[in-house]
Amino acid sequence: MKNLNSFILNNTVKILDFVYSDRHLQRFWVLEVIARSPYFAFLSVLHFKESLGLKNDITMFLMKEHFYQAINETEHLKEMEKRGGDKFWIDRFLARHLVLVYYWIMVFYYFCSPRNAYDVNIKIEEHAFNTYTKYLKDHPEDQKIKEIAQDELNHVEELNEALAMITQS
């Protein structure tokens, strides 16, 4: 399954990289719209399982963690909107349709196999970090993008910790 995750993700990244090759702010905005959806999906599934009484000691921890990650990604999205990343209708159209598909995929993944859901999201956060890092090579003065890149790296660490928690339980 991890190979399939990588295959799909790598091809999606290639398409987005092609479409947004010279449009950094729009690419960042689309990535941030999409970046929030796994956390919403994780929260939805955790809440659903908790409502059914299918909870354990780490459920509340993961709900809090994913809630704060979603808020952090929303802050990134707001920054990209301030920079005009959402000014073209085609970008809004693409992002809003991709996010619907991605949300439901992540709901299904997290419900059936949280390990695979975390694997995909870790890869996406790593891609986001790498995308921001590439941008920073040409724009080293952009302090806010440095902070956002660090946040993406922090999310990778947090997701790896969540993965370790569910693997041990």
N, C-alpha and C. Protein backbone atom coordinates (compact mmCIF):
# COMPACT_ATOMS: atom_id res chain seq x y z
N MET A 1 0.82 -1.19 0.00
CA MET A 1 0.00 0.00 0.00
C MET A 1 0.86 1.26 0.00
N LYS A 2 1.99 1.21 0.72
CA LYS A 2 2.86 2.38 0.76
C LYS A 2 3.40 2.71 -0.63
N ASN A 3 3.66 1.67 -1.43
CA ASN A 3 4.13 1.91 -2.80
C ASN A 3 3.05 2.58 -3.64
N LEU A 4 1.81 2.16 -3.46
CA LEU A 4 0.70 2.79 -4.16
C LEU A 4 0.54 4.25 -3.71
N ASN A 5 0.64 4.48 -2.40
CA ASN A 5 0.58 5.85 -1.88
C ASN A 5 1.64 6.72 -2.55
N SER A 6 2.87 6.22 -2.59
CA SER A 6 3.97 6.98 -3.19
C SER A 6 3.75 7.23 -4.67
N PHE A 7 3.27 6.21 -5.37
CA PHE A 7 3.03 6.34 -6.80
C PHE A 7 2.00 7.43 -7.09
N ILE A 8 0.86 7.36 -6.41
CA ILE A 8 -0.21 8.34 -6.62
C ILE A 8 0.26 9.74 -6.22
N LEU A 9 0.90 9.83 -5.07
CA LEU A 9 1.37 11.13 -4.60
C LEU A 9 2.41 11.73 -5.55
N ASN A 10 3.38 10.93 -5.96
CA ASN A 10 4.43 11.43 -6.85
C ASN A 10 3.87 11.94 -8.17
N ASN A 11 2.90 11.23 -8.72
CA ASN A 11 2.30 11.68 -9.98
C ASN A 11 1.45 12.92 -9.80
N THR A 12 0.74 13.01 -8.70
CA THR A 12 -0.04 14.21 -8.41
C THR A 12 0.88 15.42 -8.24
N VAL A 13 1.99 15.21 -7.53
CA VAL A 13 2.98 16.28 -7.33
C VAL A 13 3.55 16.73 -8.67
N LYS A 14 3.85 15.80 -9.55
CA LYS A 14 4.38 16.16 -10.87
C LYS A 14 3.40 17.04 -11.64
N ILE A 15 2.13 16.68 -11.56
CA ILE A 15 1.11 17.48 -12.25
C ILE A 15 1.03 18.88 -11.65
N LEU A 16 0.96 18.95 -10.32
CA LEU A 16 0.89 20.27 -9.67
C LEU A 16 2.15 21.09 -9.93
N ASP A 17 3.31 20.43 -9.92
CA ASP A 17 4.55 21.15 -10.20
C ASP A 17 4.56 21.70 -11.62
N PHE A 18 4.01 20.95 -12.57
CA PHE A 18 3.93 21.42 -13.95
C PHE A 18 2.97 22.60 -14.06
N VAL A 19 1.78 22.45 -13.49
CA VAL A 19 0.75 23.50 -13.59
C VAL A 19 1.22 24.79 -12.90
N TYR A 20 1.95 24.64 -11.80
CA TYR A 20 2.35 25.81 -11.00
C TYR A 20 3.85 26.07 -11.04
N SER A 21 4.50 25.73 -12.13
CA SER A 21 5.95 25.84 -12.20
C SER A 21 6.47 27.25 -11.91
N ASP A 22 5.81 28.28 -12.40
CA ASP A 22 6.28 29.66 -12.18
C ASP A 22 5.29 30.48 -11.36
N ARG A 23 4.40 29.80 -10.64
CA ARG A 23 3.36 30.49 -9.88
C ARG A 23 3.42 30.01 -8.42
N HIS A 24 4.44 30.46 -7.72
CA HIS A 24 4.71 29.96 -6.37
C HIS A 24 3.58 30.23 -5.39
N LEU A 25 3.08 31.46 -5.36
CA LEU A 25 2.04 31.78 -4.38
C LEU A 25 0.76 30.99 -4.62
N GLN A 26 0.42 30.79 -5.90
CA GLN A 26 -0.77 30.01 -6.21
C GLN A 26 -0.56 28.53 -5.82
N ARG A 27 0.63 28.02 -6.09
CA ARG A 27 0.94 26.64 -5.69
C ARG A 27 0.85 26.51 -4.18
N PHE A 28 1.42 27.45 -3.45
CA PHE A 28 1.38 27.40 -1.99
C PHE A 28 -0.07 27.44 -1.49
N TRP A 29 -0.87 28.32 -2.12
CA TRP A 29 -2.26 28.41 -1.70
C TRP A 29 -3.00 27.09 -1.92
N VAL A 30 -2.82 26.50 -3.10
CA VAL A 30 -3.48 25.21 -3.40
C VAL A 30 -3.00 24.15 -2.41
N LEU A 31 -1.70 24.10 -2.15
CA LEU A 31 -1.17 23.11 -1.21
C LEU A 31 -1.75 23.31 0.19
N GLU A 32 -1.92 24.54 0.60
CA GLU A 32 -2.45 24.80 1.93
C GLU A 32 -3.95 24.48 2.03
N VAL A 33 -4.68 24.69 0.95
CA VAL A 33 -6.09 24.28 0.95
C VAL A 33 -6.16 22.77 1.15
N ILE A 34 -5.34 22.06 0.43
CA ILE A 34 -5.33 20.60 0.49
C ILE A 34 -4.75 20.11 1.82
N ALA A 35 -3.76 20.80 2.35
CA ALA A 35 -3.05 20.35 3.56
C ALA A 35 -3.94 20.27 4.79
N ARG A 36 -5.02 21.03 4.82
CA ARG A 36 -5.90 20.99 5.98
C ARG A 36 -6.79 19.75 6.00
N SER A 37 -7.12 19.24 4.84
CA SER A 37 -8.14 18.19 4.76
C SER A 37 -7.79 16.89 5.49
N PRO A 38 -6.54 16.42 5.51
CA PRO A 38 -6.30 15.19 6.26
C PRO A 38 -6.59 15.36 7.75
N TYR A 39 -6.26 16.52 8.29
CA TYR A 39 -6.51 16.74 9.71
C TYR A 39 -8.01 16.77 10.00
N PHE A 40 -8.78 17.39 9.10
CA PHE A 40 -10.23 17.36 9.25
C PHE A 40 -10.75 15.93 9.14
N ALA A 41 -10.19 15.17 8.21
CA ALA A 41 -10.61 13.77 8.05
C ALA A 41 -10.27 12.95 9.29
N PHE A 42 -9.06 13.14 9.81
CA PHE A 42 -8.67 12.41 11.01
C PHE A 42 -9.60 12.74 12.17
N LEU A 43 -9.91 14.03 12.33
CA LEU A 43 -10.82 14.44 13.40
C LEU A 43 -12.22 13.84 13.21
N SER A 44 -12.69 13.83 11.98
CA SER A 44 -14.01 13.27 11.70
C SER A 44 -14.08 11.80 12.10
N VAL A 45 -13.06 11.04 11.70
CA VAL A 45 -13.05 9.61 12.01
C VAL A 45 -12.86 9.38 13.51
N LEU A 46 -11.96 10.11 14.12
CA LEU A 46 -11.77 9.95 15.57
C LEU A 46 -13.04 10.28 16.34
N HIS A 47 -13.70 11.36 15.94
CA HIS A 47 -14.95 11.73 16.61
C HIS A 47 -16.02 10.65 16.39
N PHE A 48 -16.12 10.15 15.18
CA PHE A 48 -17.10 9.10 14.87
C PHE A 48 -16.83 7.85 15.72
N LYS A 49 -15.57 7.43 15.76
CA LYS A 49 -15.24 6.24 16.55
C LYS A 49 -15.49 6.48 18.04
N GLU A 50 -15.16 7.67 18.50
CA GLU A 50 -15.39 8.00 19.90
C GLU A 50 -16.89 7.98 20.21
N SER A 51 -17.69 8.50 19.30
CA SER A 51 -19.14 8.52 19.48
C SER A 51 -19.71 7.11 19.56
N LEU A 52 -19.07 6.17 18.89
CA LEU A 52 -19.50 4.77 18.93
C LEU A 52 -18.91 4.02 20.12
N GLY A 53 -18.10 4.72 20.91
CA GLY A 53 -17.46 4.08 22.06
C GLY A 53 -16.18 3.35 21.71
N LEU A 54 -15.69 3.55 20.50
CA LEU A 54 -14.46 2.90 20.05
C LEU A 54 -13.27 3.84 20.27
N LYS A 55 -12.94 4.03 21.51
CA LYS A 55 -11.86 4.95 21.84
C LYS A 55 -10.87 4.24 22.75
N ASN A 56 -9.70 4.83 22.82
CA ASN A 56 -8.68 4.32 23.74
C ASN A 56 -7.95 5.52 24.35
N ASP A 57 -6.89 5.24 25.05
CA ASP A 57 -6.18 6.31 25.77
C ASP A 57 -5.61 7.40 24.86
N ILE A 58 -5.30 7.04 23.63
CA ILE A 58 -4.66 8.04 22.77
C ILE A 58 -5.65 8.84 21.91
N THR A 59 -6.92 8.45 21.92
CA THR A 59 -7.91 9.13 21.08
C THR A 59 -7.96 10.63 21.36
N MET A 60 -8.07 11.01 22.61
CA MET A 60 -8.17 12.44 22.95
C MET A 60 -6.89 13.17 22.57
N PHE A 61 -5.74 12.56 22.82
CA PHE A 61 -4.47 13.18 22.44
C PHE A 61 -4.44 13.45 20.94
N LEU A 62 -4.81 12.44 20.14
CA LEU A 62 -4.78 12.60 18.68
C LEU A 62 -5.80 13.64 18.22
N MET A 63 -6.96 13.68 18.86
CA MET A 63 -7.95 14.70 18.48
C MET A 63 -7.40 16.11 18.72
N LYS A 64 -6.78 16.32 19.86
CA LYS A 64 -6.19 17.63 20.15
C LYS A 64 -5.08 17.95 19.17
N GLU A 65 -4.21 16.99 18.94
CA GLU A 65 -3.06 17.18 18.04
C GLU A 65 -3.54 17.56 16.64
N HIS A 66 -4.49 16.81 16.11
CA HIS A 66 -4.96 17.07 14.75
C HIS A 66 -5.76 18.36 14.66
N PHE A 67 -6.44 18.73 15.73
CA PHE A 67 -7.15 20.01 15.76
C PHE A 67 -6.15 21.17 15.62
N TYR A 68 -5.08 21.12 16.39
CA TYR A 68 -4.09 22.19 16.33
C TYR A 68 -3.34 22.20 15.00
N GLN A 69 -3.13 21.03 14.42
CA GLN A 69 -2.49 20.97 13.11
C GLN A 69 -3.40 21.62 12.05
N ALA A 70 -4.70 21.35 12.15
CA ALA A 70 -5.65 21.96 11.20
C ALA A 70 -5.66 23.48 11.34
N ILE A 71 -5.62 23.96 12.57
CA ILE A 71 -5.58 25.41 12.80
C ILE A 71 -4.30 25.99 12.20
N ASN A 72 -3.18 25.32 12.42
CA ASN A 72 -1.91 25.80 11.90
C ASN A 72 -1.93 25.87 10.37
N GLU A 73 -2.49 24.85 9.74
CA GLU A 73 -2.58 24.86 8.28
C GLU A 73 -3.52 25.97 7.80
N THR A 74 -4.56 26.26 8.56
CA THR A 74 -5.46 27.35 8.22
C THR A 74 -4.73 28.69 8.30
N GLU A 75 -3.86 28.84 9.28
CA GLU A 75 -3.05 30.06 9.37
C GLU A 75 -2.16 30.21 8.13
N HIS A 76 -1.59 29.10 7.67
CA HIS A 76 -0.77 29.14 6.45
C HIS A 76 -1.63 29.56 5.26
N LEU A 77 -2.83 29.01 5.18
CA LEU A 77 -3.74 29.34 4.09
C LEU A 77 -4.06 30.84 4.10
N LYS A 78 -4.34 31.37 5.27
CA LYS A 78 -4.65 32.81 5.39
C LYS A 78 -3.46 33.66 4.92
N GLU A 79 -2.25 33.23 5.24
CA GLU A 79 -1.05 33.95 4.79
C GLU A 79 -0.97 33.96 3.27
N MET A 80 -1.26 32.82 2.65
CA MET A 80 -1.20 32.75 1.19
C MET A 80 -2.32 33.58 0.55
N GLU A 81 -3.46 33.65 1.21
CA GLU A 81 -4.54 34.51 0.71
C GLU A 81 -4.14 35.98 0.79
N LYS A 82 -3.47 36.37 1.87
CA LYS A 82 -2.99 37.76 1.99
C LYS A 82 -2.02 38.10 0.87
N ARG A 83 -1.29 37.10 0.41
CA ARG A 83 -0.30 37.31 -0.66
C ARG A 83 -0.92 37.18 -2.05
N GLY A 84 -2.22 36.91 -2.13
CA GLY A 84 -2.90 36.83 -3.42
C GLY A 84 -2.88 35.46 -4.08
N GLY A 85 -2.58 34.43 -3.33
CA GLY A 85 -2.50 33.08 -3.89
C GLY A 85 -3.82 32.55 -4.42
N ASP A 86 -4.92 33.15 -4.00
CA ASP A 86 -6.25 32.66 -4.41
C ASP A 86 -6.95 33.60 -5.39
N LYS A 87 -6.21 34.47 -6.06
CA LYS A 87 -6.87 35.51 -6.86
C LYS A 87 -7.43 35.00 -8.19
N PHE A 88 -6.97 33.86 -8.69
CA PHE A 88 -7.46 33.35 -9.97
C PHE A 88 -8.50 32.26 -9.75
N TRP A 89 -9.60 32.34 -10.49
CA TRP A 89 -10.70 31.40 -10.31
C TRP A 89 -10.27 29.97 -10.60
N ILE A 90 -9.38 29.77 -11.54
CA ILE A 90 -8.96 28.41 -11.89
C ILE A 90 -8.24 27.73 -10.73
N ASP A 91 -7.48 28.49 -9.99
CA ASP A 91 -6.80 27.94 -8.81
C ASP A 91 -7.80 27.57 -7.72
N ARG A 92 -8.77 28.45 -7.52
CA ARG A 92 -9.83 28.16 -6.53
C ARG A 92 -10.63 26.94 -6.95
N PHE A 93 -10.95 26.85 -8.23
CA PHE A 93 -11.71 25.72 -8.76
C PHE A 93 -10.93 24.41 -8.55
N LEU A 94 -9.68 24.40 -8.94
CA LEU A 94 -8.85 23.20 -8.80
C LEU A 94 -8.70 22.79 -7.34
N ALA A 95 -8.36 23.73 -6.50
CA ALA A 95 -8.14 23.42 -5.08
C ALA A 95 -9.41 22.91 -4.42
N ARG A 96 -10.52 23.53 -4.69
CA ARG A 96 -11.77 23.15 -4.02
C ARG A 96 -12.29 21.79 -4.49
N HIS A 97 -11.93 21.40 -5.70
CA HIS A 97 -12.33 20.07 -6.16
C HIS A 97 -11.34 19.01 -5.67
N LEU A 98 -10.08 19.33 -5.70
CA LEU A 98 -9.08 18.39 -5.18
C LEU A 98 -9.30 18.11 -3.70
N VAL A 99 -9.63 19.14 -2.94
CA VAL A 99 -9.79 18.97 -1.51
C VAL A 99 -10.98 18.07 -1.18
N LEU A 100 -12.03 18.12 -1.96
CA LEU A 100 -13.17 17.23 -1.73
C LEU A 100 -12.78 15.77 -1.92
N VAL A 101 -12.09 15.51 -3.00
CA VAL A 101 -11.64 14.14 -3.27
C VAL A 101 -10.66 13.68 -2.21
N TYR A 102 -9.70 14.53 -1.90
CA TYR A 102 -8.67 14.15 -0.94
C TYR A 102 -9.24 13.94 0.46
N TYR A 103 -10.18 14.78 0.88
CA TYR A 103 -10.81 14.62 2.19
C TYR A 103 -11.44 13.23 2.32
N TRP A 104 -12.25 12.84 1.34
CA TRP A 104 -12.94 11.56 1.44
C TRP A 104 -11.99 10.38 1.32
N ILE A 105 -10.94 10.52 0.55
CA ILE A 105 -9.92 9.47 0.52
C ILE A 105 -9.29 9.31 1.89
N MET A 106 -8.98 10.44 2.53
CA MET A 106 -8.35 10.37 3.85
C MET A 106 -9.31 9.87 4.92
N VAL A 107 -10.59 10.18 4.81
CA VAL A 107 -11.57 9.62 5.75
C VAL A 107 -11.55 8.10 5.62
N PHE A 108 -11.64 7.61 4.40
CA PHE A 108 -11.63 6.16 4.16
C PHE A 108 -10.33 5.54 4.67
N TYR A 109 -9.21 6.14 4.31
CA TYR A 109 -7.90 5.62 4.74
C TYR A 109 -7.79 5.57 6.26
N TYR A 110 -8.13 6.68 6.90
CA TYR A 110 -7.96 6.74 8.34
C TYR A 110 -8.90 5.79 9.07
N PHE A 111 -10.08 5.61 8.52
CA PHE A 111 -11.04 4.68 9.13
C PHE A 111 -10.54 3.24 8.99
N CYS A 112 -10.04 2.91 7.81
CA CYS A 112 -9.62 1.53 7.53
C CYS A 112 -8.19 1.23 7.95
N SER A 113 -7.31 2.20 7.77
CA SER A 113 -5.89 1.97 8.04
C SER A 113 -5.19 3.28 8.41
N PRO A 114 -5.25 3.66 9.68
CA PRO A 114 -4.60 4.91 10.09
C PRO A 114 -3.11 4.95 9.70
N ARG A 115 -2.46 3.81 9.71
CA ARG A 115 -1.04 3.79 9.33
C ARG A 115 -0.84 4.31 7.91
N ASN A 116 -1.67 3.86 6.99
CA ASN A 116 -1.57 4.33 5.61
C ASN A 116 -1.95 5.80 5.48
N ALA A 117 -2.94 6.22 6.25
CA ALA A 117 -3.33 7.63 6.22
C ALA A 117 -2.18 8.51 6.70
N TYR A 118 -1.53 8.10 7.78
CA TYR A 118 -0.39 8.87 8.27
C TYR A 118 0.77 8.83 7.27
N ASP A 119 0.98 7.67 6.65
CA ASP A 119 2.05 7.56 5.66
C ASP A 119 1.85 8.58 4.53
N VAL A 120 0.64 8.65 3.99
CA VAL A 120 0.36 9.61 2.92
C VAL A 120 0.57 11.04 3.42
N ASN A 121 0.04 11.34 4.59
CA ASN A 121 0.13 12.71 5.08
C ASN A 121 1.57 13.11 5.41
N ILE A 122 2.35 12.18 5.91
CA ILE A 122 3.77 12.48 6.17
C ILE A 122 4.45 12.84 4.86
N LYS A 123 4.18 12.07 3.83
CA LYS A 123 4.78 12.34 2.51
C LYS A 123 4.34 13.70 1.98
N ILE A 124 3.10 14.05 2.19
CA ILE A 124 2.60 15.35 1.72
C ILE A 124 3.25 16.49 2.49
N GLU A 125 3.37 16.34 3.80
CA GLU A 125 4.03 17.39 4.59
C GLU A 125 5.50 17.52 4.21
N GLU A 126 6.15 16.40 3.93
CA GLU A 126 7.55 16.46 3.47
C GLU A 126 7.64 17.18 2.13
N HIS A 127 6.69 16.90 1.24
CA HIS A 127 6.66 17.60 -0.04
C HIS A 127 6.46 19.10 0.16
N ALA A 128 5.56 19.47 1.06
CA ALA A 128 5.33 20.89 1.33
C ALA A 128 6.61 21.54 1.86
N PHE A 129 7.28 20.88 2.79
CA PHE A 129 8.54 21.41 3.31
C PHE A 129 9.55 21.60 2.18
N ASN A 130 9.69 20.61 1.32
CA ASN A 130 10.63 20.70 0.20
C ASN A 130 10.25 21.80 -0.78
N THR A 131 8.95 21.98 -1.01
CA THR A 131 8.48 23.03 -1.91
C THR A 131 8.83 24.42 -1.36
N TYR A 132 8.59 24.62 -0.07
CA TYR A 132 8.93 25.90 0.55
C TYR A 132 10.44 26.11 0.58
N THR A 133 11.19 25.05 0.84
CA THR A 133 12.65 25.16 0.89
C THR A 133 13.22 25.57 -0.46
N LYS A 134 12.68 24.99 -1.55
CA LYS A 134 13.13 25.37 -2.90
C LYS A 134 12.86 26.86 -3.15
N TYR A 135 11.69 27.32 -2.74
CA TYR A 135 11.34 28.72 -2.90
C TYR A 135 12.31 29.60 -2.11
N LEU A 136 12.67 29.17 -0.92
CA LEU A 136 13.56 29.97 -0.06
C LEU A 136 14.97 30.12 -0.63
N LYS A 137 15.38 29.23 -1.50
CA LYS A 137 16.70 29.37 -2.13
C LYS A 137 16.77 30.65 -2.95
N ASP A 138 15.65 31.00 -3.59
CA ASP A 138 15.59 32.23 -4.38
C ASP A 138 15.08 33.42 -3.59
N HIS A 139 14.47 33.17 -2.44
CA HIS A 139 13.88 34.24 -1.61
C HIS A 139 14.25 34.03 -0.14
N PRO A 140 15.53 34.07 0.18
CA PRO A 140 15.95 33.78 1.56
C PRO A 140 15.47 34.80 2.59
N GLU A 141 15.02 35.95 2.13
CA GLU A 141 14.57 37.00 3.05
C GLU A 141 13.14 36.79 3.54
N ASP A 142 12.43 35.83 2.96
CA ASP A 142 11.02 35.64 3.28
C ASP A 142 10.86 34.88 4.60
N GLN A 143 10.79 35.63 5.66
CA GLN A 143 10.75 35.08 7.02
C GLN A 143 9.49 34.25 7.27
N LYS A 144 8.37 34.70 6.74
CA LYS A 144 7.10 33.98 6.98
C LYS A 144 7.14 32.60 6.31
N ILE A 145 7.70 32.52 5.13
CA ILE A 145 7.81 31.21 4.45
C ILE A 145 8.77 30.30 5.22
N LYS A 146 9.81 30.87 5.81
CA LYS A 146 10.71 30.06 6.66
C LYS A 146 9.94 29.46 7.82
N GLU A 147 9.07 30.28 8.44
CA GLU A 147 8.26 29.79 9.57
C GLU A 147 7.30 28.70 9.12
N ILE A 148 6.68 28.90 7.97
CA ILE A 148 5.73 27.91 7.46
C ILE A 148 6.46 26.61 7.12
N ALA A 149 7.63 26.73 6.51
CA ALA A 149 8.42 25.52 6.20
C ALA A 149 8.75 24.76 7.48
N GLN A 150 9.11 25.47 8.51
CA GLN A 150 9.41 24.82 9.79
C GLN A 150 8.17 24.15 10.37
N ASP A 151 7.02 24.82 10.23
CA ASP A 151 5.76 24.22 10.69
C ASP A 151 5.51 22.89 9.96
N GLU A 152 5.77 22.86 8.66
CA GLU A 152 5.55 21.63 7.89
C GLU A 152 6.47 20.51 8.39
N LEU A 153 7.69 20.87 8.68
CA LEU A 153 8.63 19.88 9.24
C LEU A 153 8.16 19.41 10.62
N ASN A 154 7.64 20.33 11.41
CA ASN A 154 7.10 19.96 12.73
C ASN A 154 5.92 18.99 12.57
N HIS A 155 5.09 19.22 11.56
CA HIS A 155 3.96 18.32 11.32
C HIS A 155 4.45 16.91 10.98
N VAL A 156 5.54 16.82 10.24
CA VAL A 156 6.10 15.50 9.92
C VAL A 156 6.48 14.78 11.21
N GLU A 157 7.15 15.49 12.10
CA GLU A 157 7.54 14.90 13.38
C GLU A 157 6.32 14.49 14.20
N GLU A 158 5.31 15.36 14.24
CA GLU A 158 4.10 15.07 15.00
C GLU A 158 3.36 13.86 14.42
N LEU A 159 3.31 13.77 13.11
CA LEU A 159 2.64 12.63 12.47
C LEU A 159 3.42 11.33 12.71
N ASN A 160 4.73 11.43 12.70
CA ASN A 160 5.54 10.24 13.01
C ASN A 160 5.30 9.78 14.45
N GLU A 161 5.15 10.74 15.37
CA GLU A 161 4.84 10.40 16.76
C GLU A 161 3.46 9.76 16.86
N ALA A 162 2.48 10.29 16.14
CA ALA A 162 1.14 9.70 16.15
C ALA A 162 1.17 8.30 15.56
N LEU A 163 1.92 8.13 14.51
CA LEU A 163 2.07 6.80 13.90
C LEU A 163 2.69 5.82 14.88
N ALA A 164 3.71 6.26 15.59
CA ALA A 164 4.34 5.40 16.61
C ALA A 164 3.36 5.04 17.71
N MET A 165 2.53 6.01 18.11
CA MET A 165 1.55 5.75 19.17
C MET A 165 0.54 4.69 18.75
N ILE A 166 0.01 4.81 17.54
CA ILE A 166 -1.00 3.84 17.12
C ILE A 166 -0.39 2.48 16.79
N THR A 167 0.87 2.48 16.42
CA THR A 167 1.56 1.22 16.12
C THR A 167 1.80 0.44 17.39
N GLN A 168 2.09 1.14 18.49
CA GLN A 168 2.36 0.49 19.77
C GLN A 168 1.09 0.02 20.47
N SER A 169 -0.05 0.63 20.13
CA SER A 169 -1.29 0.24 20.84
C SER A 169 -1.95 -0.97 20.24
